[in-house]
Each structure stands twice: as C-alpha cells, then as structure tokens.
Protein backbone atom coordinates (compact mmCIF):
# COMPACT_ATOMS: atom_id res chain seq x y z
CA MET A 1 112.21 62.96 93.25
CA ILE A 2 110.19 61.64 96.16
CA SER A 3 111.92 61.29 99.52
CA GLU A 4 108.97 60.19 101.65
CA LEU A 5 105.63 58.52 101.01
CA THR A 6 102.81 58.20 103.53
CA LEU A 7 99.88 55.90 102.79
CA GLY A 8 96.68 55.97 104.82
CA ASN A 9 93.97 53.41 104.08
CA PHE A 10 95.33 52.98 100.58
CA ARG A 11 94.74 49.47 99.16
CA ASN A 12 96.13 47.05 101.76
CA TYR A 13 98.02 49.71 103.74
CA PRO A 14 96.20 51.00 106.85
CA LYS A 15 99.05 53.37 107.72
CA SER A 16 102.62 53.26 106.41
CA ASN A 17 105.48 55.70 106.05
CA LEU A 18 108.25 54.91 103.56
CA HIS A 19 111.51 56.72 102.84
CA PHE A 20 113.47 56.67 99.59
CA ASN A 21 116.96 57.84 98.73
CA SER A 22 117.90 59.67 95.55
CA GLY A 23 119.18 56.54 93.83
CA SER A 24 117.47 53.21 93.23
CA THR A 25 115.07 51.32 95.46
CA LEU A 26 114.12 47.69 94.93
CA ILE A 27 110.89 46.52 96.56
CA VAL A 28 110.96 42.75 97.08
CA GLY A 29 108.18 40.45 98.18
CA PRO A 30 105.75 37.72 97.14
CA ASN A 31 102.69 38.34 95.00
CA ALA A 32 99.73 40.18 96.57
CA VAL A 33 101.82 41.69 99.40
CA GLY A 34 101.46 45.27 98.11
CA LYS A 35 104.54 46.03 95.99
CA THR A 36 102.63 47.46 93.04
CA ASN A 37 100.40 49.43 95.41
CA ILE A 38 103.41 51.55 96.36
CA LEU A 39 104.16 52.34 92.73
CA GLU A 40 100.47 53.05 92.17
CA ALA A 41 100.49 55.55 95.03
CA ILE A 42 103.54 57.39 93.69
CA TYR A 43 102.09 57.50 90.19
CA ALA A 44 98.80 58.82 91.56
CA LEU A 45 100.67 61.68 93.25
CA ALA A 46 102.30 62.47 89.90
CA THR A 47 99.22 62.26 87.69
CA GLY A 48 96.29 62.69 90.07
CA LYS A 49 94.87 59.25 89.30
CA SER A 50 95.49 55.52 89.55
CA PHE A 51 96.96 53.57 86.64
CA ARG A 52 95.23 50.33 87.75
CA ALA A 53 91.80 51.03 89.20
CA GLU A 54 88.71 50.61 87.06
CA THR A 55 86.97 52.98 89.47
CA GLU A 56 89.27 55.02 91.68
CA ALA A 57 87.11 54.49 94.75
CA GLU A 58 88.41 50.91 94.83
CA VAL A 59 91.83 52.08 96.08
CA ILE A 60 90.24 53.05 99.42
CA ARG A 61 90.94 50.30 101.94
CA GLU A 62 87.94 48.06 102.48
CA GLY A 63 85.67 49.28 105.24
CA GLN A 64 87.14 52.79 105.26
CA ALA A 65 85.70 56.06 103.95
CA VAL A 66 88.88 58.06 103.35
CA SER A 67 92.25 57.29 101.78
CA ARG A 68 95.20 59.70 101.83
CA LEU A 69 98.49 59.76 99.97
CA VAL A 70 101.17 62.23 100.99
CA GLY A 71 104.50 62.64 99.25
CA LYS A 72 107.48 64.84 100.03
CA VAL A 73 109.00 66.00 96.75
CA ILE A 74 112.51 67.39 96.41
CA ILE A 75 113.83 69.18 93.34
CA SER A 76 115.47 66.74 90.96
CA GLY A 77 119.13 66.22 91.74
CA THR A 78 118.92 67.03 95.46
CA LYS A 79 120.40 64.26 97.59
CA VAL A 80 118.39 62.58 100.30
CA ALA A 81 120.07 61.04 103.31
CA GLY A 82 120.11 57.27 103.40
CA SER A 83 122.40 54.37 102.68
CA PRO A 84 121.80 52.55 99.38
CA SER A 85 122.46 49.24 101.08
CA THR A 86 119.88 49.68 103.83
CA SER A 87 117.39 46.81 104.09
CA LEU A 88 113.96 47.83 105.39
CA ARG A 89 110.82 45.97 106.37
CA ALA A 90 107.45 47.59 105.84
CA SER A 91 106.32 46.28 109.23
CA GLU A 92 109.21 48.11 110.90
CA THR A 93 108.55 51.55 109.39
CA LYS A 94 107.10 54.03 111.83
CA GLU A 95 104.98 57.10 111.34
CA LYS A 96 107.27 60.12 111.75
CA GLY A 97 104.77 62.78 110.79
CA ARG A 98 104.87 65.15 107.90
CA GLU A 99 108.00 67.13 107.25
CA SER A 100 107.81 70.39 105.42
CA GLY A 101 109.89 73.48 104.84
CA SER A 102 112.65 74.52 102.48
CA GLY A 103 113.78 70.92 101.99
CA GLY A 104 110.82 69.93 99.86
CA THR A 105 107.24 70.30 98.71
CA GLU A 106 104.47 68.26 100.29
CA ILE A 107 101.78 67.03 97.93
CA GLU A 108 98.64 65.25 99.07
CA LEU A 109 95.87 63.36 97.32
CA GLU A 110 92.76 62.51 99.34
CA LEU A 111 90.08 60.12 98.12
CA ASP A 112 86.87 59.87 100.08
CA TRP A 113 83.21 58.99 100.23
CA ASP A 114 81.01 61.65 101.75
CA ALA A 115 77.88 61.05 103.84
CA ARG A 116 75.80 60.73 100.65
CA GLU A 117 78.15 58.09 99.25
CA ARG A 118 79.58 60.40 96.63
CA PHE A 119 83.23 59.93 95.64
CA GLN A 120 85.56 62.91 95.44
CA LYS A 121 89.26 63.68 95.15
CA LEU A 122 91.01 66.52 96.92
CA TYR A 123 94.42 67.85 95.90
CA LYS A 124 96.79 69.82 98.14
CA VAL A 125 100.25 71.32 97.78
CA ASN A 126 101.91 72.33 101.07
CA GLY A 127 98.50 72.09 102.70
CA VAL A 128 96.75 74.39 100.23
CA GLY A 129 93.93 73.03 98.06
CA ARG A 130 94.57 72.96 94.32
CA ARG A 131 92.73 72.07 91.16
CA GLN A 132 93.91 68.90 89.47
CA ILE A 133 95.46 70.84 86.58
CA ASP A 134 97.54 72.85 89.10
CA PHE A 135 98.40 69.78 91.20
CA ILE A 136 99.91 67.73 88.37
CA GLY A 137 103.52 68.57 87.59
CA HIS A 138 104.92 68.85 91.11
CA LEU A 139 106.07 65.25 90.80
CA ARG A 140 106.75 63.54 87.48
CA ALA A 141 106.98 59.80 86.93
CA VAL A 142 107.42 57.36 84.05
CA LEU A 143 105.89 53.94 84.65
CA PHE A 144 106.75 50.67 82.92
CA SER A 145 104.56 47.74 83.95
CA PRO A 146 103.30 44.51 82.35
CA GLY A 147 99.95 46.22 81.71
CA ASP A 148 101.63 48.71 79.39
CA LEU A 149 101.55 46.09 76.66
CA GLU A 150 98.06 47.47 76.02
CA ILE A 151 99.60 50.63 74.55
CA VAL A 152 100.45 48.57 71.49
CA ALA A 153 97.86 45.81 71.59
CA ASP A 154 94.68 47.52 72.80
CA SER A 155 92.21 50.00 71.32
CA PRO A 156 92.86 53.59 70.11
CA SER A 157 91.35 54.96 73.33
CA THR A 158 94.19 53.29 75.28
CA ARG A 159 96.80 55.01 73.13
CA ARG A 160 95.03 58.36 73.52
CA ARG A 161 95.02 57.92 77.31
CA TYR A 162 98.72 57.15 77.14
CA LEU A 163 99.42 60.37 75.22
CA ASP A 164 97.28 62.33 77.67
CA GLY A 165 99.14 60.84 80.62
CA VAL A 166 102.56 61.83 79.28
CA LEU A 167 101.70 65.30 78.02
CA SER A 168 99.59 66.27 81.03
CA GLN A 169 102.63 65.78 83.27
CA VAL A 170 104.75 68.01 81.05
CA TYR A 171 102.48 70.86 79.90
CA LYS A 172 99.92 72.84 81.83
CA ASP A 173 98.45 74.18 78.58
CA TYR A 174 97.82 70.58 77.52
CA ARG A 175 96.10 69.76 80.81
CA LEU A 176 93.85 72.81 80.46
CA ALA A 177 93.15 72.20 76.76
CA ALA A 178 92.27 68.55 77.39
CA HIS A 179 89.93 69.53 80.23
CA LEU A 180 88.14 72.20 78.18
CA TYR A 181 87.99 69.97 75.12
CA GLU A 182 86.39 67.09 77.00
CA ARG A 183 83.83 69.41 78.58
CA ALA A 184 82.98 71.04 75.23
CA LEU A 185 82.75 67.64 73.54
CA ARG A 186 80.20 66.38 76.07
CA GLN A 187 78.08 69.51 75.68
CA ARG A 188 78.31 69.49 71.88
CA ASN A 189 77.28 65.84 71.69
CA ARG A 190 74.35 66.61 73.96
CA LEU A 191 73.38 69.48 71.65
CA LEU A 192 73.58 67.19 68.62
CA TRP A 193 71.25 64.77 70.37
CA ARG A 194 68.80 67.58 71.13
CA ILE A 195 68.91 68.75 67.52
CA ARG A 196 68.10 65.24 66.32
CA GLU A 197 65.52 64.35 68.94
CA GLU A 198 63.89 67.65 69.89
CA GLN A 199 64.15 69.63 66.64
CA ILE A 200 65.33 72.77 68.49
CA ALA A 201 65.07 76.16 66.78
CA GLU A 202 67.66 77.04 64.14
CA SER A 203 68.62 80.29 65.88
CA VAL A 204 69.28 78.53 69.18
CA ARG A 205 71.11 75.74 67.41
CA ARG A 206 73.44 78.13 65.59
CA ILE A 207 74.41 80.19 68.66
CA GLU A 208 75.09 77.18 70.89
CA MET A 209 76.91 75.23 68.20
CA GLU A 210 79.22 78.13 67.35
CA TYR A 211 80.25 78.41 70.99
CA TRP A 212 81.09 74.73 71.45
CA ASP A 213 82.72 74.56 68.01
CA GLY A 214 85.05 77.39 68.99
CA LEU A 215 86.14 75.61 72.15
CA LEU A 216 86.74 72.35 70.31
CA VAL A 217 88.74 73.92 67.49
CA ASN A 218 90.94 76.11 69.70
CA ASN A 219 91.74 73.48 72.31
CA GLY A 220 91.88 70.66 69.76
CA ALA A 221 94.69 72.53 67.99
CA ILE A 222 96.79 72.55 71.18
CA ILE A 223 96.16 68.86 71.79
CA HIS A 224 97.08 67.98 68.21
CA GLU A 225 100.33 69.98 68.18
CA ARG A 226 101.55 68.56 71.49
CA ARG A 227 100.78 64.99 70.44
CA LYS A 228 102.46 65.48 67.08
CA GLU A 229 105.54 66.99 68.74
CA TYR A 230 105.86 64.10 71.18
CA LEU A 231 105.54 61.36 68.57
CA GLU A 232 108.07 63.12 66.33
CA PHE A 233 110.47 63.30 69.27
CA LEU A 234 110.18 59.54 69.80
CA ASN A 235 110.73 58.88 66.11
CA ASN A 236 113.94 60.92 66.13
CA LEU A 237 115.46 58.98 69.02
CA PRO A 238 117.76 56.14 67.97
CA SER A 239 116.61 52.88 69.59
CA LYS A 240 119.04 50.09 70.36
CA ILE A 241 116.29 47.92 71.79
CA PHE A 242 113.65 47.67 69.11
CA PRO A 243 113.60 49.94 66.05
CA ILE A 244 110.11 51.42 65.63
CA GLU A 245 108.33 54.32 64.02
CA LEU A 246 105.11 55.79 65.39
CA GLN A 247 102.61 56.83 62.74
CA TYR A 248 100.25 59.54 63.96
CA ASP A 249 96.74 58.91 62.65
CA HIS A 250 95.26 62.26 63.58
CA SER A 251 91.77 63.60 63.14
CA ILE A 252 92.11 67.32 62.54
CA ILE A 253 89.28 69.50 63.80
CA SER A 254 88.49 72.75 62.01
CA PRO A 255 85.41 74.84 61.17
CA GLU A 256 85.52 73.46 57.64
CA ARG A 257 85.59 69.81 58.73
CA LEU A 258 82.82 70.36 61.25
CA GLU A 259 80.73 71.93 58.51
CA LYS A 260 81.52 69.06 56.15
CA TYR A 261 80.25 66.44 58.60
CA ALA A 262 77.39 68.49 60.05
CA ARG A 263 74.61 66.30 58.67
CA GLU A 264 76.29 63.02 59.63
CA GLU A 265 76.96 64.31 63.15
CA ILE A 266 73.30 65.18 63.69
CA ASP A 267 72.26 61.74 62.45
CA ALA A 268 74.77 60.05 64.77
CA ALA A 269 74.36 62.59 67.62
CA VAL A 270 78.14 62.54 68.18
CA THR A 271 81.09 64.65 67.05
CA LEU A 272 82.87 62.74 64.30
CA VAL A 273 86.16 64.64 63.97
CA GLY A 274 88.78 65.83 66.42
CA PRO A 275 91.57 64.55 68.69
CA HIS A 276 89.12 62.29 70.55
CA ARG A 277 89.39 60.17 67.37
CA ASP A 278 93.21 60.17 67.20
CA ASP A 279 95.34 57.05 67.14
CA PHE A 280 98.92 56.04 66.38
CA ALA A 281 100.37 52.89 64.92
CA VAL A 282 103.62 51.27 66.05
CA GLU A 283 105.58 49.97 63.07
CA LYS A 284 108.73 47.90 63.24
CA LEU A 285 111.65 49.16 61.15
CA GLN A 286 114.15 46.96 59.37
CA ASP A 287 117.64 47.95 58.25
CA THR A 288 118.18 46.43 54.81
CA ARG A 289 121.74 47.28 53.85
CA ASN A 290 121.50 50.62 55.66
CA LYS A 291 118.19 51.41 54.01
CA ILE A 292 115.52 51.69 56.68
CA GLN A 293 112.21 50.16 55.68
CA LYS A 294 108.91 49.72 57.51
CA GLU A 295 108.30 46.04 58.08
CA ARG A 296 104.90 45.66 59.73
CA ASP A 297 102.41 46.98 62.23
CA VAL A 298 103.51 45.53 65.58
CA LYS A 299 99.93 45.38 66.85
CA LEU A 300 98.74 43.23 63.97
CA TYR A 301 101.81 41.17 63.14
CA GLY A 302 104.25 41.43 66.03
CA SER A 303 104.78 38.65 68.52
CA ARG A 304 104.04 39.30 72.17
CA GLY A 305 107.77 39.61 72.76
CA GLU A 306 108.10 42.20 70.00
CA GLN A 307 105.14 44.13 71.38
CA ARG A 308 106.75 44.17 74.82
CA LEU A 309 110.04 45.46 73.39
CA ALA A 310 108.20 48.14 71.41
CA VAL A 311 106.54 49.37 74.61
CA PHE A 312 109.90 49.35 76.38
CA ALA A 313 111.40 51.46 73.58
CA ILE A 314 108.49 53.92 73.87
CA LYS A 315 108.92 54.16 77.63
CA LEU A 316 112.63 54.91 77.42
CA GLY A 317 111.78 57.58 74.85
CA GLU A 318 109.15 58.98 77.21
CA LEU A 319 111.78 59.22 79.93
CA GLU A 320 114.05 61.27 77.66
CA TYR A 321 111.16 63.46 76.53
CA VAL A 322 110.12 64.43 80.05
CA LYS A 323 113.75 65.21 80.94
CA THR A 324 114.23 67.29 77.80
CA GLN A 325 111.01 69.29 78.06
CA THR A 326 111.03 69.96 81.82
CA GLY A 327 114.72 70.00 82.69
CA GLU A 328 113.96 67.59 85.54
CA ASN A 329 114.52 63.90 86.03
CA PRO A 330 111.22 62.06 86.47
CA ILE A 331 111.01 59.05 88.75
CA LEU A 332 111.29 55.79 86.84
CA LEU A 333 108.82 53.22 88.18
CA LEU A 334 109.47 49.63 87.08
CA ASP A 335 106.84 47.08 88.06
CA ASP A 336 108.09 43.49 87.86
CA ILE A 337 109.88 44.12 84.58
CA PHE A 338 112.73 41.71 85.34
CA SER A 339 110.36 38.81 84.76
CA GLU A 340 109.01 40.47 81.60
CA LEU A 341 112.29 41.02 79.74
CA ASP A 342 114.77 38.35 78.74
CA HIS A 343 118.41 38.44 79.81
CA THR A 344 119.52 39.91 76.47
CA ASN A 345 117.43 43.05 76.93
CA ARG A 346 117.78 43.56 80.68
CA HIS A 347 121.08 45.39 80.22
CA HIS A 348 119.13 48.25 78.61
CA ILE A 349 117.23 48.57 81.88
CA LEU A 350 120.52 48.57 83.80
CA GLU A 351 121.72 51.46 81.64
CA ALA A 352 118.57 53.50 82.31
CA ILE A 353 118.24 52.87 86.06
CA PRO A 354 121.12 55.01 87.43
CA LYS A 355 120.17 58.14 85.46
CA GLN A 356 117.37 59.19 87.82
CA GLN A 357 115.60 58.06 90.96
CA THR A 358 114.24 54.59 90.17
CA ILE A 359 111.81 52.50 92.22
CA MET A 360 111.41 48.87 91.16
CA THR A 361 109.52 45.77 92.25
CA THR A 362 110.32 42.09 91.95
CA THR A 363 109.13 38.83 93.46
CA ASP A 364 112.52 37.16 93.19
CA LEU A 365 115.97 38.67 93.79
CA HIS A 366 117.46 35.96 91.56
CA LEU A 367 115.92 37.74 88.55
CA VAL A 368 117.94 40.86 89.31
CA GLU A 369 121.54 41.20 88.15
CA LYS A 370 124.02 41.02 91.02
CA ASN A 371 125.74 44.25 89.96
CA LEU A 372 122.48 46.14 90.42
CA LEU A 373 121.89 44.72 93.89
CA LYS A 374 125.11 46.32 95.12
CA HIS A 375 123.75 49.79 94.48
CA VAL A 376 120.11 49.72 95.53
CA GLN A 377 118.14 50.34 98.68
CA LEU A 378 116.16 47.18 99.48
CA LEU A 379 112.63 47.41 100.80
CA GLU A 380 111.43 43.94 101.80
CA LEU A 381 107.70 43.35 102.18
CA LYS A 382 106.54 40.33 104.16
C-alpha cells in the first residue's frame, strides 16, 4: 500500500504532499481539478509509466524541466495512522519531507528534459538508482477507469499492452523477457530489411539471424506461457457481474515457424510470428438450462454497457490474480467509475473496495452510496 505521495511539477501540481490510510480514500472535486492526475501518479510509481499520456514528457508541468513522483510504500496489511473520516483539502496539505526507515520503502520516478532536450526517466528505490525492470514490483496497483473500455473495443495492440501491464507487475521474468524480446524484434526486423534491400552475404545473414531467432524463441516462450496462465486464471473465476470467456489467439514462435515464413518475412521486412501478434477475444457466456454456451464476441456484438461490464469483470479478476500470485494486496484505483456503472452493478464495487487499499475519484458525492461514505477518507480538491 502507499501511505504518502509527493508530486513535484507533475501535471497541474507544482508541489503537493498527500497522505493515505490503509483503507479507502475518496477524492472529490469538479472536472479538470486534478483527481485523475493523482491516480496517474500512483499508477506510474507501480508500473514505471503513465496510463494516460501519449508521450510521457507531457506529464511534466508546463514550463518546467523536471517532474518527480515519490511514494512511501508499506508492506500490504500494515496499518497507517489516520482517521477514515478525515476531510482534507489539497490546498491545506504541507510538505513534510521524505520519511524513510523501517516503516516503509521510498520509491521515486523522475522525468526530465536534459540540456539537449532529450527526455529520460530515472528510477530510485530508497535513494538508489534502479533499472525499470528492478523498479517495478515495489508497489502494485490495479486500475479501473473509463478508458479501459478500449481493452475490449480497441485493437489487438491495446490488449497486448494490457497483458504486459498486468504481468510485468507480477513477474520479473516476464519484464525481462518482454524487454529482451522487444529489443530482439527490432534488430531482427532491421536485419530483414537489410536482407531485402542490401542483399547482404548469406554467411552474415545466417549468423545474425540465428542469434536474434534464439532470443525471440526463448523469450517468446516465457511471454506466451505467462499470458496463457493469466487468461486461464480469469476463465476459471466465477463472475457474478458479467459471464465471459477469454479466448487466447496466440501466435506461437518456434524455429520451425520462423523457417516456414522465412521468405514472406524477407519480402515484408517484418517478423510475422510471435507474441507481438497475440490477441484475445472476449466472449459473453449464456447459461441455457445450466449448459454454458458462448453467445457472441463482445467487441463485435456487445453493447457499450456490456463492454463496460466485461472490462469490470476482467479488472476484478486481475485484482484476484495479483493477490494470488504475489501474496500481496495491490492498490485498487477507481477513476470516476460511479458514473460509469449503473446502480444495479455498483454493489459489486462496494464488495471489492474494503478488501485492499482503494483510492477512488468522483465529481459528485451523490453518486456514491451513503454506506461507503461512512468508511472512507475524503480528499476534497478545489
């Protein structure tokens, strides 16, 4: 869980220090005041990147060269002092400095432009620089926002990014495999282009291709197995919200398949098989006299409401998966979901909220059930 968050030149925050208890926090305020920016900052500390920015440099406050996010992380289950009924105003929070020691781990993400206008990210844990693959995993978070509808409705690349985001928080071997795979893929595609355009020597071609093929096959196998495992986990969870089944449309990479498509790959100058071509379909299930049948692809035939419920079901499954695989409770981040879900389905949110630290946003307290308001810390933004 996160007990303290410091934002410096992040989005619309020049300098702010926020404290959270171990239960639920509800951030309330009008549109464009910065509610989602707080969730974005927490998620960036968990994953090493923004879930909103088209280019991450845009999160740096206008006119500034450096943005810093600092979070104090406490092992899941540890209580943090603070009354759940406390009402805070962002304008009243004061900088108290960084706290460190046995009570928690301090993680920091710095985004900056250097003198040559080059963008870079720096990762630190307790003041010590880390690589991104070693930084991720100190804080884990599951996000549910209106933009997550794209998981169902958008392109295969969106669903692959979703899988990467979940599995990178859980497994270091996945983070490393994805990094090596992406690097090898870029180099192999460049080699394919050279083969097509420059007619490089057969001996050089064979040696270089064997090296990149080996990296793709070995790391692609790890990526495939982790994705398959996760989707099977979701399919085995009973869903009271919206019954779905996720069909993994995987592109296996192997020496044999690479050899099979060798000519086509040279012609196209791109690698045609592998997990960078993966996808999954979300299919609605229907119980016909206790016989479960697939009804339709939610992307193609589901209403917007059904797509939203399918994403909600996936997110609750993701929450359970992270808990099961890591033994820790991730933070649940809910961005304006009370206006997204109807009254009938909000009670599923109410059931999920108390099980871990939850940080939520809303523009209107009237959208939030009164029973929930009795047990949350309120953070009012003006």
